[in-house]
PDB file of N, CA and C in Angstrom:
ATOM      1  N   MET A   1      24.380 -82.749 -15.827  1.00  0.00           N
ATOM      2  CA  MET A   1      23.415 -81.930 -16.465  1.00  0.00           C
ATOM      3  C   MET A   1      22.611 -81.103 -15.441  1.00  0.00           C
ATOM      4  N   LYS A   2      22.328 -81.775 -14.376  1.00  0.00           N
ATOM      5  CA  LYS A   2      21.579 -81.103 -13.352  1.00  0.00           C
ATOM      6  C   LYS A   2      22.342 -79.866 -12.888  1.00  0.00           C
ATOM      7  N   GLN A   3      23.645 -79.996 -12.753  1.00  0.00           N
ATOM      8  CA  GLN A   3      24.447 -78.854 -12.328  1.00  0.00           C
ATOM      9  C   GLN A   3      24.440 -77.773 -13.387  1.00  0.00           C
ATOM     10  N   LEU A   4      24.481 -78.171 -14.625  1.00  0.00           N
ATOM     11  CA  LEU A   4      24.446 -77.216 -15.723  1.00  0.00           C
ATOM     12  C   LEU A   4      23.105 -76.486 -15.720  1.00  0.00           C
ATOM     13  N   GLY A   5      22.017 -77.205 -15.509  1.00  0.00           N
ATOM     14  CA  GLY A   5      20.692 -76.599 -15.469  1.00  0.00           C
ATOM     15  C   GLY A   5      20.573 -75.631 -14.299  1.00  0.00           C
ATOM     16  N   GLU A   6      21.132 -76.060 -13.161  1.00  0.00           N
ATOM     17  CA  GLU A   6      21.085 -75.177 -11.992  1.00  0.00           C
ATOM     18  C   GLU A   6      21.960 -73.950 -12.220  1.00  0.00           C
ATOM     19  N   GLY A   7      23.088 -74.130 -12.889  1.00  0.00           N
ATOM     20  CA  GLY A   7      23.979 -73.017 -13.191  1.00  0.00           C
ATOM     21  C   GLY A   7      23.320 -72.022 -14.130  1.00  0.00           C
ATOM     22  N   ILE A   8      22.611 -72.570 -15.141  1.00  0.00           N
ATOM     23  CA  ILE A   8      21.914 -71.686 -16.091  1.00  0.00           C
ATOM     24  C   ILE A   8      20.797 -70.945 -15.364  1.00  0.00           C
ATOM     25  N   GLN A   9      20.084 -71.708 -14.539  1.00  0.00           N
ATOM     26  CA  GLN A   9      18.989 -71.082 -13.799  1.00  0.00           C
ATOM     27  C   GLN A   9      19.548 -70.005 -12.858  1.00  0.00           C
ATOM     28  N   THR A  10      20.648 -70.271 -12.199  1.00  0.00           N
ATOM     29  CA  THR A  10      21.270 -69.294 -11.313  1.00  0.00           C
ATOM     30  C   THR A  10      21.745 -68.096 -12.115  1.00  0.00           C
ATOM     31  N   TYR A  11      22.322 -68.378 -13.286  1.00  0.00           N
ATOM     32  CA  TYR A  11      22.785 -67.295 -14.158  1.00  0.00           C
ATOM     33  C   TYR A  11      21.601 -66.427 -14.594  1.00  0.00           C
ATOM     34  N   ASN A  12      20.535 -67.083 -15.054  1.00  0.00           N
ATOM     35  CA  ASN A  12      19.340 -66.337 -15.496  1.00  0.00           C
ATOM     36  C   ASN A  12      18.763 -65.502 -14.345  1.00  0.00           C
ATOM     37  N   GLN A  13      18.741 -66.108 -13.160  1.00  0.00           N
ATOM     38  CA  GLN A  13      18.235 -65.368 -11.991  1.00  0.00           C
ATOM     39  C   GLN A  13      19.128 -64.158 -11.717  1.00  0.00           C
ATOM     40  N   ALA A  14      20.441 -64.341 -11.815  1.00  0.00           N
ATOM     41  CA  ALA A  14      21.380 -63.249 -11.584  1.00  0.00           C
ATOM     42  C   ALA A  14      21.206 -62.164 -12.630  1.00  0.00           C
ATOM     43  N   VAL A  15      21.006 -62.556 -13.895  1.00  0.00           N
ATOM     44  CA  VAL A  15      20.799 -61.578 -14.972  1.00  0.00           C
ATOM     45  C   VAL A  15      19.522 -60.797 -14.708  1.00  0.00           C
ATOM     46  N   MET A  16      18.458 -61.485 -14.300  1.00  0.00           N
ATOM     47  CA  MET A  16      17.188 -60.804 -14.021  1.00  0.00           C
ATOM     48  C   MET A  16      17.353 -59.813 -12.860  1.00  0.00           C
ATOM     49  N   GLU A  17      18.046 -60.255 -11.823  1.00  0.00           N
ATOM     50  CA  GLU A  17      18.265 -59.368 -10.685  1.00  0.00           C
ATOM     51  C   GLU A  17      19.157 -58.193 -11.078  1.00  0.00           C
ATOM     52  N   TYR A  18      20.161 -58.470 -11.905  1.00  0.00           N
ATOM     53  CA  TYR A  18      21.038 -57.402 -12.382  1.00  0.00           C
ATOM     54  C   TYR A  18      20.238 -56.392 -13.204  1.00  0.00           C
ATOM     55  N   ASN A  19      19.402 -56.907 -14.129  1.00  0.00           N
ATOM     56  CA  ASN A  19      18.566 -56.022 -14.958  1.00  0.00           C
ATOM     57  C   ASN A  19      17.592 -55.218 -14.087  1.00  0.00           C
ATOM     58  N   ALA A  20      17.026 -55.869 -13.085  1.00  0.00           N
ATOM     59  CA  ALA A  20      16.118 -55.163 -12.177  1.00  0.00           C
ATOM     60  C   ALA A  20      16.892 -54.085 -11.416  1.00  0.00           C
ATOM     61  N   GLY A  21      18.116 -54.413 -11.007  1.00  0.00           N
ATOM     62  CA  GLY A  21      18.954 -53.430 -10.320  1.00  0.00           C
ATOM     63  C   GLY A  21      19.293 -52.261 -11.229  1.00  0.00           C
ATOM     64  N   GLN A  22      19.598 -52.552 -12.492  1.00  0.00           N
ATOM     65  CA  GLN A  22      19.897 -51.504 -13.474  1.00  0.00           C
ATOM     66  C   GLN A  22      18.670 -50.607 -13.673  1.00  0.00           C
ATOM     67  N   ALA A  23      17.501 -51.240 -13.806  1.00  0.00           N
ATOM     68  CA  ALA A  23      16.265 -50.464 -13.983  1.00  0.00           C
ATOM     69  C   ALA A  23      16.019 -49.590 -12.754  1.00  0.00           C
ATOM     70  N   LEU A  24      16.268 -50.162 -11.572  1.00  0.00           N
ATOM     71  CA  LEU A  24      16.094 -49.402 -10.342  1.00  0.00           C
ATOM     72  C   LEU A  24      17.083 -48.249 -10.287  1.00  0.00           C
ATOM     73  N   THR A  25      18.323 -48.486 -10.696  1.00  0.00           N
ATOM     74  CA  THR A  25      19.332 -47.432 -10.732  1.00  0.00           C
ATOM     75  C   THR A  25      18.896 -46.319 -11.679  1.00  0.00           C
ATOM     76  N   GLU A  26      18.353 -46.685 -12.848  1.00  0.00           N
ATOM     77  CA  GLU A  26      17.872 -45.677 -13.807  1.00  0.00           C
ATOM     78  C   GLU A  26      16.706 -44.882 -13.219  1.00  0.00           C
ATOM     79  N   LYS A  27      15.792 -45.576 -12.530  1.00  0.00           N
ATOM     80  CA  LYS A  27      14.663 -44.879 -11.896  1.00  0.00           C
ATOM     81  C   LYS A  27      15.162 -43.916 -10.817  1.00  0.00           C
ATOM     82  N   ILE A  28      16.156 -44.366 -10.051  1.00  0.00           N
ATOM     83  CA  ILE A  28      16.723 -43.514  -9.004  1.00  0.00           C
ATOM     84  C   ILE A  28      17.363 -42.280  -9.624  1.00  0.00           C
ATOM     85  N   GLN A  29      18.140 -42.495 -10.701  1.00  0.00           N
ATOM     86  CA  GLN A  29      18.793 -41.366 -11.366  1.00  0.00           C
ATOM     87  C   GLN A  29      17.760 -40.408 -11.961  1.00  0.00           C
ATOM     88  N   SER A  30      16.719 -40.954 -12.573  1.00  0.00           N
ATOM     89  CA  SER A  30      15.662 -40.121 -13.158  1.00  0.00           C
ATOM     90  C   SER A  30      14.942 -39.326 -12.063  1.00  0.00           C
ATOM     91  N   THR A  31      14.628 -40.013 -10.965  1.00  0.00           N
ATOM     92  CA  THR A  31      13.948 -39.344  -9.853  1.00  0.00           C
ATOM     93  C   THR A  31      14.852 -38.283  -9.238  1.00  0.00           C
ATOM     94  N   ASN A  32      16.143 -38.600  -9.098  1.00  0.00           N
ATOM     95  CA  ASN A  32      17.094 -37.610  -8.583  1.00  0.00           C
ATOM     96  C   ASN A  32      17.159 -36.391  -9.489  1.00  0.00           C
ATOM     97  N   HIS A  33      17.141 -36.622 -10.795  1.00  0.00           N
ATOM     98  CA  HIS A  33      17.177 -35.510 -11.748  1.00  0.00           C
ATOM     99  C   HIS A  33      15.937 -34.619 -11.570  1.00  0.00           C
ATOM    100  N   ILE A  34      14.773 -35.249 -11.449  1.00  0.00           N
ATOM    101  CA  ILE A  34      13.524 -34.492 -11.236  1.00  0.00           C
ATOM    102  C   ILE A  34      13.601 -33.723  -9.917  1.00  0.00           C
ATOM    103  N   LEU A  35      14.083 -34.404  -8.876  1.00  0.00           N
ATOM    104  CA  LEU A  35      14.176 -33.752  -7.568  1.00  0.00           C
ATOM    105  C   LEU A  35      15.177 -32.602  -7.582  1.00  0.00           C
ATOM    106  N   GLN A  36      16.268 -32.759  -8.320  1.00  0.00           N
ATOM    107  CA  GLN A  36      17.251 -31.676  -8.428  1.00  0.00           C
ATOM    108  C   GLN A  36      16.617 -30.449  -9.078  1.00  0.00           C
ATOM    109  N   ALA A  37      15.820 -30.689 -10.136  1.00  0.00           N
ATOM    110  CA  ALA A  37      15.137 -29.569 -10.801  1.00  0.00           C
ATOM    111  C   ALA A  37      14.160 -28.902  -9.832  1.00  0.00           C
ATOM    112  N   GLN A  38      13.412 -29.706  -9.084  1.00  0.00           N
ATOM    113  CA  GLN A  38      12.459 -29.156  -8.121  1.00  0.00           C
ATOM    114  C   GLN A  38      13.185 -28.416  -6.997  1.00  0.00           C
ATOM    115  N   LEU A  39      14.316 -28.971  -6.570  1.00  0.00           N
ATOM    116  CA  LEU A  39      15.109 -28.323  -5.530  1.00  0.00           C
ATOM    117  C   LEU A  39      15.614 -26.966  -6.011  1.00  0.00           C
ATOM    118  N   HIS A  40      16.014 -26.899  -7.276  1.00  0.00           N
ATOM    119  CA  HIS A  40      16.470 -25.630  -7.860  1.00  0.00           C
ATOM    120  C   HIS A  40      15.328 -24.606  -7.846  1.00  0.00           C
ATOM    121  N   ILE A  41      14.138 -25.066  -8.225  1.00  0.00           N
ATOM    122  CA  ILE A  41      12.963 -24.180  -8.209  1.00  0.00           C
ATOM    123  C   ILE A  41      12.696 -23.704  -6.778  1.00  0.00           C
ATOM    124  N   CYS A  42      12.816 -24.617  -5.810  1.00  0.00           N
ATOM    125  CA  CYS A  42      12.584 -24.246  -4.407  1.00  0.00           C
ATOM    126  C   CYS A  42      13.600 -23.207  -3.942  1.00  0.00           C
ATOM    127  N   HIS A  43      14.864 -23.406  -4.306  1.00  0.00           N
ATOM    128  CA  HIS A  43      15.897 -22.439  -3.910  1.00  0.00           C
ATOM    129  C   HIS A  43      15.631 -21.072  -4.540  1.00  0.00           C
ATOM    130  N   GLU A  44      15.275 -21.071  -5.830  1.00  0.00           N
ATOM    131  CA  GLU A  44      14.966 -19.793  -6.490  1.00  0.00           C
ATOM    132  C   GLU A  44      13.771 -19.123  -5.823  1.00  0.00           C
ATOM    133  N   GLY A  45      12.748 -19.927  -5.525  1.00  0.00           N
ATOM    134  CA  GLY A  45      11.566 -19.382  -4.860  1.00  0.00           C
ATOM    135  C   GLY A  45      11.904 -18.815  -3.493  1.00  0.00           C
ATOM    136  N   LYS A  46      12.748 -19.519  -2.750  1.00  0.00           N
ATOM    137  CA  LYS A  46      13.157 -19.041  -1.426  1.00  0.00           C
ATOM    138  C   LYS A  46      13.917 -17.732  -1.540  1.00  0.00           C
ATOM    139  N   GLU A  47      14.820 -17.642  -2.520  1.00  0.00           N
ATOM    140  CA  GLU A  47      15.563 -16.392  -2.724  1.00  0.00           C
ATOM    141  C   GLU A  47      14.609 -15.253  -3.070  1.00  0.00           C
ATOM    142  N   GLU A  48      13.640 -15.542  -3.930  1.00  0.00           N
ATOM    143  CA  GLU A  48      12.672 -14.507  -4.316  1.00  0.00           C
ATOM    144  C   GLU A  48      11.832 -14.083  -3.109  1.00  0.00           C
ATOM    145  N   LEU A  49      11.403 -15.054  -2.305  1.00  0.00           N
ATOM    146  CA  LEU A  49      10.637 -14.724  -1.097  1.00  0.00           C
ATOM    147  C   LEU A  49      11.461 -13.885  -0.128  1.00  0.00           C
ATOM    148  N   ASP A  50      12.750 -14.228   0.013  1.00  0.00           N
ATOM    149  CA  ASP A  50      13.619 -13.434   0.885  1.00  0.00           C
ATOM    150  C   ASP A  50      13.710 -11.992   0.392  1.00  0.00           C
ATOM    151  N   LYS A  51      13.845 -11.831  -0.937  1.00  0.00           N
ATOM    152  CA  LYS A  51      13.908 -10.476  -1.505  1.00  0.00           C
ATOM    153  C   LYS A  51      12.603  -9.731  -1.246  1.00  0.00           C
ATOM    154  N   LEU A  52      11.481 -10.422  -1.451  1.00  0.00           N
ATOM    155  CA  LEU A  52      10.180  -9.788  -1.224  1.00  0.00           C
ATOM    156  C   LEU A  52      10.002  -9.398   0.245  1.00  0.00           C
ATOM    157  N   GLU A  53      10.445 -10.260   1.145  1.00  0.00           N
ATOM    158  CA  GLU A  53      10.349  -9.928   2.568  1.00  0.00           C
ATOM    159  C   GLU A  53      11.193  -8.703   2.892  1.00  0.00           C
ATOM    160  N   GLU A  54      12.367  -8.613   2.288  1.00  0.00           N
ATOM    161  CA  GLU A  54      13.231  -7.448   2.509  1.00  0.00           C
ATOM    162  C   GLU A  54      12.563  -6.185   1.961  1.00  0.00           C
ATOM    163  N   GLU A  55      11.985  -6.299   0.760  1.00  0.00           N
ATOM    164  CA  GLU A  55      11.277  -5.151   0.178  1.00  0.00           C
ATOM    165  C   GLU A  55      10.091  -4.761   1.051  1.00  0.00           C
ATOM    166  N   GLN A  56       9.393  -5.776   1.578  1.00  0.00           N
ATOM    167  CA  GLN A  56       8.241  -5.494   2.432  1.00  0.00           C
ATOM    168  C   GLN A  56       8.677  -4.756   3.695  1.00  0.00           C
ATOM    169  N   LYS A  57       9.817  -5.138   4.262  1.00  0.00           N
ATOM    170  CA  LYS A  57      10.332  -4.432   5.437  1.00  0.00           C
ATOM    171  C   LYS A  57      10.621  -2.974   5.097  1.00  0.00           C
ATOM    172  N   LYS A  58      11.211  -2.743   3.916  1.00  0.00           N
ATOM    173  CA  LYS A  58      11.499  -1.369   3.496  1.00  0.00           C
ATOM    174  C   LYS A  58      10.202  -0.593   3.297  1.00  0.00           C
ATOM    175  N   ILE A  59       9.218  -1.245   2.689  1.00  0.00           N
ATOM    176  CA  ILE A  59       7.921  -0.588   2.459  1.00  0.00           C
ATOM    177  C   ILE A  59       7.266  -0.250   3.796  1.00  0.00           C
ATOM    178  N   GLU A  60       7.310  -1.181   4.744  1.00  0.00           N
ATOM    179  CA  GLU A  60       6.721  -0.923   6.062  1.00  0.00           C
ATOM    180  C   GLU A  60       7.420   0.251   6.752  1.00  0.00           C
ATOM    181  N   ALA A  61       8.743   0.313   6.603  1.00  0.00           N
ATOM    182  CA  ALA A  61       9.481   1.432   7.202  1.00  0.00           C
ATOM    183  C   ALA A  61       9.067   2.746   6.551  1.00  0.00           C
ATOM    184  N   ARG A  62       8.971   2.746   5.213  1.00  0.00           N
ATOM    185  CA  ARG A  62       8.538   3.958   4.505  1.00  0.00           C
ATOM    186  C   ARG A  62       7.111   4.319   4.891  1.00  0.00           C
ATOM    187  N   LYS A  63       6.266   3.302   5.009  1.00  0.00           N
ATOM    188  CA  LYS A  63       4.870   3.529   5.384  1.00  0.00           C
ATOM    189  C   LYS A  63       4.803   4.190   6.762  1.00  0.00           C
ATOM    190  N   SER A  64       5.602   3.701   7.701  1.00  0.00           N
ATOM    191  CA  SER A  64       5.620   4.292   9.048  1.00  0.00           C
ATOM    192  C   SER A  64       6.074   5.741   9.000  1.00  0.00           C
ATOM    193  N   THR A  65       7.095   6.005   8.185  1.00  0.00           N
ATOM    194  CA  THR A  65       7.600   7.376   8.054  1.00  0.00           C
ATOM    195  C   THR A  65       6.526   8.286   7.472  1.00  0.00           C
ATOM    196  N   ILE A  66       5.864   7.817   6.426  1.00  0.00           N
ATOM    197  CA  ILE A  66       4.818   8.619   5.775  1.00  0.00           C
ATOM    198  C   ILE A  66       3.659   8.860   6.739  1.00  0.00           C
ATOM    199  N   LEU A  67       3.248   7.810   7.456  1.00  0.00           N
ATOM    200  CA  LEU A  67       2.152   7.975   8.417  1.00  0.00           C
ATOM    201  C   LEU A  67       2.528   8.962   9.518  1.00  0.00           C
ATOM    202  N   ALA A  68       3.779   8.929   9.945  1.00  0.00           N
ATOM    203  CA  ALA A  68       4.231   9.889  10.965  1.00  0.00           C
ATOM    204  C   ALA A  68       4.182  11.308  10.409  1.00  0.00           C
ATOM    205  N   LYS A  69       4.605  11.487   9.145  1.00  0.00           N
ATOM    206  CA  LYS A  69       4.550  12.818   8.525  1.00  0.00           C
ATOM    207  C   LYS A  69       3.110  13.301   8.424  1.00  0.00           C
ATOM    208  N   ILE A  70       2.225  12.398   8.016  1.00  0.00           N
ATOM    209  CA  ILE A  70       0.806  12.770   7.901  1.00  0.00           C
ATOM    210  C   ILE A  70       0.259  13.157   9.268  1.00  0.00           C
ATOM    211  N   ASP A  71       0.569  12.356  10.277  1.00  0.00           N
ATOM    212  CA  ASP A  71       0.097  12.649  11.632  1.00  0.00           C
ATOM    213  C   ASP A  71       0.613  14.004  12.105  1.00  0.00           C
ATOM    214  N   ASN A  72       1.890  14.264  11.856  1.00  0.00           N
ATOM    215  CA  ASN A  72       2.465  15.565  12.238  1.00  0.00           C
ATOM    216  C   ASN A  72       1.776  16.706  11.498  1.00  0.00           C
ATOM    217  N   ALA A  73       1.523  16.504  10.200  1.00  0.00           N
ATOM    218  CA  ALA A  73       0.861  17.552   9.416  1.00  0.00           C
ATOM    219  C   ALA A  73      -0.543  17.816   9.953  1.00  0.00           C
ATOM    220  N   VAL A  74      -1.261  16.749  10.302  1.00  0.00           N
ATOM    221  CA  VAL A  74      -2.613  16.916  10.850  1.00  0.00           C
ATOM    222  C   VAL A  74      -2.547  17.669  12.175  1.00  0.00           C
ATOM    223  N   GLN A  75      -1.611  17.271  13.029  1.00  0.00           N
ATOM    224  CA  GLN A  75      -1.478  17.957  14.321  1.00  0.00           C
ATOM    225  C   GLN A  75      -1.060  19.413  14.137  1.00  0.00           C
ATOM    226  N   ASP A  76      -0.142  19.662  13.199  1.00  0.00           N
ATOM    227  CA  ASP A  76       0.300  21.040  12.943  1.00  0.00           C
ATOM    228  C   ASP A  76      -0.824  21.886  12.355  1.00  0.00           C
ATOM    229  N   SER A  77      -1.720  21.248  11.606  1.00  0.00           N
ATOM    230  CA  SER A  77      -2.790  22.019  10.965  1.00  0.00           C
ATOM    231  C   SER A  77      -3.970  22.269  11.906  1.00  0.00           C
ATOM    232  N   TRP A  78      -4.019  21.577  13.021  1.00  0.00           N
ATOM    233  CA  TRP A  78      -5.171  21.711  13.917  1.00  0.00           C
ATOM    234  C   TRP A  78      -5.431  23.148  14.347  1.00  0.00           C
ATOM    235  N   PRO A  79      -4.417  23.897  14.816  1.00  0.00           N
ATOM    236  CA  PRO A  79      -4.699  25.283  15.212  1.00  0.00           C
ATOM    237  C   PRO A  79      -5.233  26.110  14.036  1.00  0.00           C
ATOM    238  N   HIS A  80      -4.724  25.836  12.845  1.00  0.00           N
ATOM    239  CA  HIS A  80      -5.186  26.575  11.665  1.00  0.00           C
ATOM    240  C   HIS A  80      -6.630  26.198  11.322  1.00  0.00           C
ATOM    241  N   GLN A  81      -6.971  24.932  11.536  1.00  0.00           N
ATOM    242  CA  GLN A  81      -8.351  24.512  11.287  1.00  0.00           C
ATOM    243  C   GLN A  81      -9.301  25.208  12.253  1.00  0.00           C
ATOM    244  N   VAL A  82      -8.891  25.281  13.511  1.00  0.00           N
ATOM    245  CA  VAL A  82      -9.718  25.964  14.516  1.00  0.00           C
ATOM    246  C   VAL A  82      -9.881  27.431  14.138  1.00  0.00           C
ATOM    247  N   GLU A  83      -8.768  28.056  13.733  1.00  0.00           N
ATOM    248  CA  GLU A  83      -8.811  29.465  13.335  1.00  0.00           C
ATOM    249  C   GLU A  83      -9.706  29.651  12.112  1.00  0.00           C
ATOM    250  N   LEU A  84      -9.590  28.736  11.141  1.00  0.00           N
ATOM    251  CA  LEU A  84     -10.419  28.819   9.938  1.00  0.00           C
ATOM    252  C   LEU A  84     -11.898  28.695  10.295  1.00  0.00           C
ATOM    253  N   GLU A  85     -12.220  27.766  11.179  1.00  0.00           N
ATOM    254  CA  GLU A  85     -13.614  27.620  11.597  1.00  0.00           C
ATOM    255  C   GLU A  85     -14.119  28.902  12.252  1.00  0.00           C
ATOM    256  N   LYS A  86     -13.267  29.528  13.062  1.00  0.00           N
ATOM    257  CA  LYS A  86     -13.643  30.788  13.713  1.00  0.00           C
ATOM    258  C   LYS A  86     -13.901  31.862  12.656  1.00  0.00           C
ATOM    259  N   PHE A  87     -12.988  31.980  11.682  1.00  0.00           N
ATOM    260  CA  PHE A  87     -13.160  32.971  10.614  1.00  0.00           C
ATOM    261  C   PHE A  87     -14.419  32.692   9.793  1.00  0.00           C
ATOM    262  N   MET A  88     -14.660  31.417   9.522  1.00  0.00           N
ATOM    263  CA  MET A  88     -15.848  31.074   8.730  1.00  0.00           C
ATOM    264  C   MET A  88     -17.120  31.427   9.495  1.00  0.00           C
ATOM    265  N   GLN A  89     -17.109  31.220  10.816  1.00  0.00           N
ATOM    266  CA  GLN A  89     -18.269  31.589  11.620  1.00  0.00           C
ATOM    267  C   GLN A  89     -18.453  33.103  11.621  1.00  0.00           C
ATOM    268  N   GLN A  90     -17.331  33.832  11.728  1.00  0.00           N
ATOM    269  CA  GLN A  90     -17.412  35.291  11.679  1.00  0.00           C
ATOM    270  C   GLN A  90     -17.952  35.746  10.328  1.00  0.00           C
ATOM    271  N   GLN A  91     -17.506  35.081   9.266  1.00  0.00           N
ATOM    272  CA  GLN A  91     -17.987  35.443   7.932  1.00  0.00           C
ATOM    273  C   GLN A  91     -19.482  35.151   7.814  1.00  0.00           C
ATOM    274  N   ALA A  92     -19.919  34.014   8.344  1.00  0.00           N
ATOM    275  CA  ALA A  92     -21.343  33.676   8.303  1.00  0.00           C
ATOM    276  C   ALA A  92     -22.152  34.699   9.098  1.00  0.00           C
ATOM    277  N   ASP A  93     -21.625  35.084  10.260  1.00  0.00           N
ATOM    278  CA  ASP A  93     -22.307  36.107  11.061  1.00  0.00           C
ATOM    279  C   ASP A  93     -22.392  37.421  10.289  1.00  0.00           C
ATOM    280  N   PHE A  94     -21.293  37.800   9.648  1.00  0.00           N
ATOM    281  CA  PHE A  94     -21.272  39.036   8.870  1.00  0.00           C
ATOM    282  C   PHE A  94     -22.279  38.964   7.723  1.00  0.00           C
ATOM    283  N   GLN A  95     -22.310  37.831   7.034  1.00  0.00           N
ATOM    284  CA  GLN A  95     -23.228  37.713   5.898  1.00  0.00           C
ATOM    285  C   GLN A  95     -24.679  37.803   6.349  1.00  0.00           C
ATOM    286  N   GLU A  96     -24.961  37.292   7.552  1.00  0.00           N
ATOM    287  CA  GLU A  96     -26.321  37.425   8.078  1.00  0.00           C
ATOM    288  C   GLU A  96     -26.671  38.897   8.305  1.00  0.00           C
ATOM    289  N   LYS A  97     -25.696  39.692   8.731  1.00  0.00           N
ATOM    290  CA  LYS A  97     -25.943  41.093   9.069  1.00  0.00           C
ATOM    291  C   LYS A  97     -25.606  42.038   7.922  1.00  0.00           C
ATOM    292  N   GLU A  98     -25.069  41.506   6.831  1.00  0.00           N
ATOM    293  CA  GLU A  98     -24.603  42.359   5.734  1.00  0.00           C
ATOM    294  C   GLU A  98     -25.732  43.227   5.174  1.00  0.00           C
ATOM    295  N   ASP A  99     -26.897  42.649   4.976  1.00  0.00           N
ATOM    296  CA  ASP A  99     -28.016  43.442   4.446  1.00  0.00           C
ATOM    297  C   ASP A  99     -28.397  44.561   5.411  1.00  0.00           C
ATOM    298  N   ASP A 100     -28.370  44.249   6.716  1.00  0.00           N
ATOM    299  CA  ASP A 100     -28.670  45.289   7.704  1.00  0.00           C
ATOM    300  C   ASP A 100     -27.644  46.413   7.620  1.00  0.00           C
ATOM    301  N   TYR A 101     -26.353  46.031   7.484  1.00  0.00           N
ATOM    302  CA  TYR A 101     -25.295  47.043   7.365  1.00  0.00           C
ATOM    303  C   TYR A 101     -25.505  47.899   6.120  1.00  0.00           C
ATOM    304  N   LYS A 102     -25.851  47.246   5.015  1.00  0.00           N
ATOM    305  CA  LYS A 102     -26.061  47.993   3.764  1.00  0.00           C
ATOM    306  C   LYS A 102     -27.240  48.951   3.913  1.00  0.00           C
ATOM    307  N   THR A 103     -28.304  48.498   4.554  1.00  0.00           N
ATOM    308  CA  THR A 103     -29.474  49.355   4.761  1.00  0.00           C
ATOM    309  C   THR A 103     -29.109  50.548   5.634  1.00  0.00           C
ATOM    310  N   LEU A 104     -28.365  50.291   6.712  1.00  0.00           N
ATOM    311  CA  LEU A 104     -27.942  51.380   7.594  1.00  0.00           C
ATOM    312  C   LEU A 104     -27.029  52.355   6.867  1.00  0.00           C
ATOM    313  N   MET A 105     -26.106  51.834   6.067  1.00  0.00           N
ATOM    314  CA  MET A 105     -25.186  52.715   5.341  1.00  0.00           C
ATOM    315  C   MET A 105     -25.944  53.535   4.299  1.00  0.00           C
ATOM    316  N   SER A 106     -26.930  52.931   3.659  1.00  0.00           N
ATOM    317  CA  SER A 106     -27.732  53.661   2.672  1.00  0.00           C
ATOM    318  C   SER A 106     -28.556  54.748   3.366  1.00  0.00           C
ATOM    319  N   ALA A 107     -29.146  54.410   4.518  1.00  0.00           N
ATOM    320  CA  ALA A 107     -29.937  55.398   5.270  1.00  0.00           C
ATOM    321  C   ALA A 107     -29.041  56.529   5.751  1.00  0.00           C
ATOM    322  N   ARG A 108     -27.838  56.194   6.191  1.00  0.00           N
ATOM    323  CA  ARG A 108     -26.886  57.219   6.642  1.00  0.00           C
ATOM    324  C   ARG A 108     -26.508  58.137   5.488  1.00  0.00           C
ATOM    325  N   ALA A 109     -26.264  57.531   4.317  1.00  0.00           N
ATOM    326  CA  ALA A 109     -25.900  58.346   3.149  1.00  0.00           C
ATOM    327  C   ALA A 109     -27.050  59.285   2.790  1.00  0.00           C
ATOM    328  N   LYS A 110     -28.285  58.780   2.812  1.00  0.00           N
ATOM    329  CA  LYS A 110     -29.442  59.626   2.512  1.00  0.00           C
ATOM    330  C   LYS A 110     -29.573  60.731   3.560  1.00  0.00           C
ATOM    331  N   PHE A 111     -29.364  60.364   4.823  1.00  0.00           N
ATOM    332  CA  PHE A 111     -29.442  61.351   5.885  1.00  0.00           C
ATOM    333  C   PHE A 111     -28.413  62.455   5.675  1.00  0.00           C
ATOM    334  N   LEU A 112     -27.173  62.074   5.321  1.00  0.00           N
ATOM    335  CA  LEU A 112     -26.123  63.074   5.102  1.00  0.00           C
ATOM    336  C   LEU A 112     -26.461  63.970   3.918  1.00  0.00           C
ATOM    337  N   VAL A 113     -27.026  63.385   2.874  1.00  0.00           N
ATOM    338  CA  VAL A 113     -27.426  64.200   1.715  1.00  0.00           C
ATOM    339  C   VAL A 113     -28.516  65.177   2.141  1.00  0.00           C
ATOM    340  N   ASN A 114     -29.491  64.694   2.876  1.00  0.00           N
ATOM    341  CA  ASN A 114     -30.574  65.564   3.349  1.00  0.00           C
ATOM    342  C   ASN A 114     -30.049  66.644   4.288  1.00  0.00           C
ATOM    343  N   LEU A 115     -29.139  66.263   5.173  1.00  0.00           N
ATOM    344  CA  LEU A 115     -28.557  67.225   6.097  1.00  0.00           C
ATOM    345  C   LEU A 115     -27.793  68.295   5.334  1.00  0.00           C
ATOM    346  N   LYS A 116     -27.005  67.858   4.342  1.00  0.00           N
ATOM    347  CA  LYS A 116     -26.225  68.804   3.542  1.00  0.00           C
ATOM    348  C   LYS A 116     -27.167  69.750   2.792  1.00  0.00           C
ATOM    349  N   THR A 117     -28.213  69.200   2.239  1.00  0.00           N
ATOM    350  CA  THR A 117     -29.177  70.030   1.512  1.00  0.00           C
ATOM    351  C   THR A 117     -29.838  71.037   2.456  1.00  0.00           C
ATOM    352  N   THR A 118     -30.207  70.589   3.621  1.00  0.00           N
ATOM    353  CA  THR A 118     -30.847  71.474   4.594  1.00  0.00           C
ATOM    354  C   THR A 118     -29.897  72.572   5.029  1.00  0.00           C
ATOM    355  N   ILE A 119     -28.669  72.243   5.278  1.00  0.00           N
ATOM    356  CA  ILE A 119     -27.673  73.247   5.690  1.00  0.00           C
ATOM    357  C   ILE A 119     -27.466  74.255   4.573  1.00  0.00           C
ATOM    358  N   GLN A 120     -27.380  73.792   3.344  1.00  0.00           N
ATOM    359  CA  GLN A 120     -27.151  74.709   2.220  1.00  0.00           C
ATOM    360  C   GLN A 120     -28.362  75.636   2.029  1.00  0.00           C
ATOM    361  N   LYS A 121     -29.539  75.147   2.316  1.00  0.00           N
ATOM    362  CA  LYS A 121     -30.717  75.993   2.180  1.00  0.00           C
ATOM    363  C   LYS A 121     -30.712  77.086   3.240  1.00  0.00           C
ATOM    364  N   HIS A 122     -30.209  76.801   4.382  1.00  0.00           N
ATOM    365  CA  HIS A 122     -30.214  77.770   5.473  1.00  0.00           C
ATOM    366  C   HIS A 122     -29.008  78.683   5.471  1.00  0.00           C
ATOM    367  N   LEU A 123     -28.119  78.464   4.639  1.00  0.00           N
ATOM    368  CA  LEU A 123     -26.954  79.346   4.608  1.00  0.00           C
ATOM    369  C   LEU A 123     -27.141  80.488   3.717  1.00  0.00           C
TER     370      LEU A 123
END
């Protein structure tokens, strides 16, 4: 009987260990399934990041090209800006003297009318 009791106890212990092993196997499989899903998300994220990095490189290249064009345009426009400033200063100078010019031209016109009248009277 003692052997039978020990055999049953050994059997029960083996069943418990087997059940614990089965439960552990199920936990491992469940955890692996979760990790596989997370790994898939990581791979997708990595692919998306790689695409974004590639797009960023293209954007940086375009940005450099655009900045170079802007810089060239600014440098090309510099002589024209200097010329425009010169013209604007000349215009400001003219506007300051414009009234004087108009007064002189009006006085000249009056003088010519008076001169013409005087000449006609003496002829």
